[in-house]
Amino acid sequence: MLRLFKKVCRRHYYLYLEMITFKVCVYRDMFNDEEQDD
């Protein structure tokens, strides 16, 4: 039971990391676009 729980947690943790990385990338792209406009 605990092993399964850890497995699921790890998967969610990686998913969470991917989401954060994606948001950071999108934010960086937006920021770069604004800089180029100036």
Foldseek 3Di string as FASTA:
>chain_A
DVVVVVVVVVVVVVVVVVVVVVVVVVVVVVVVVVVVVD
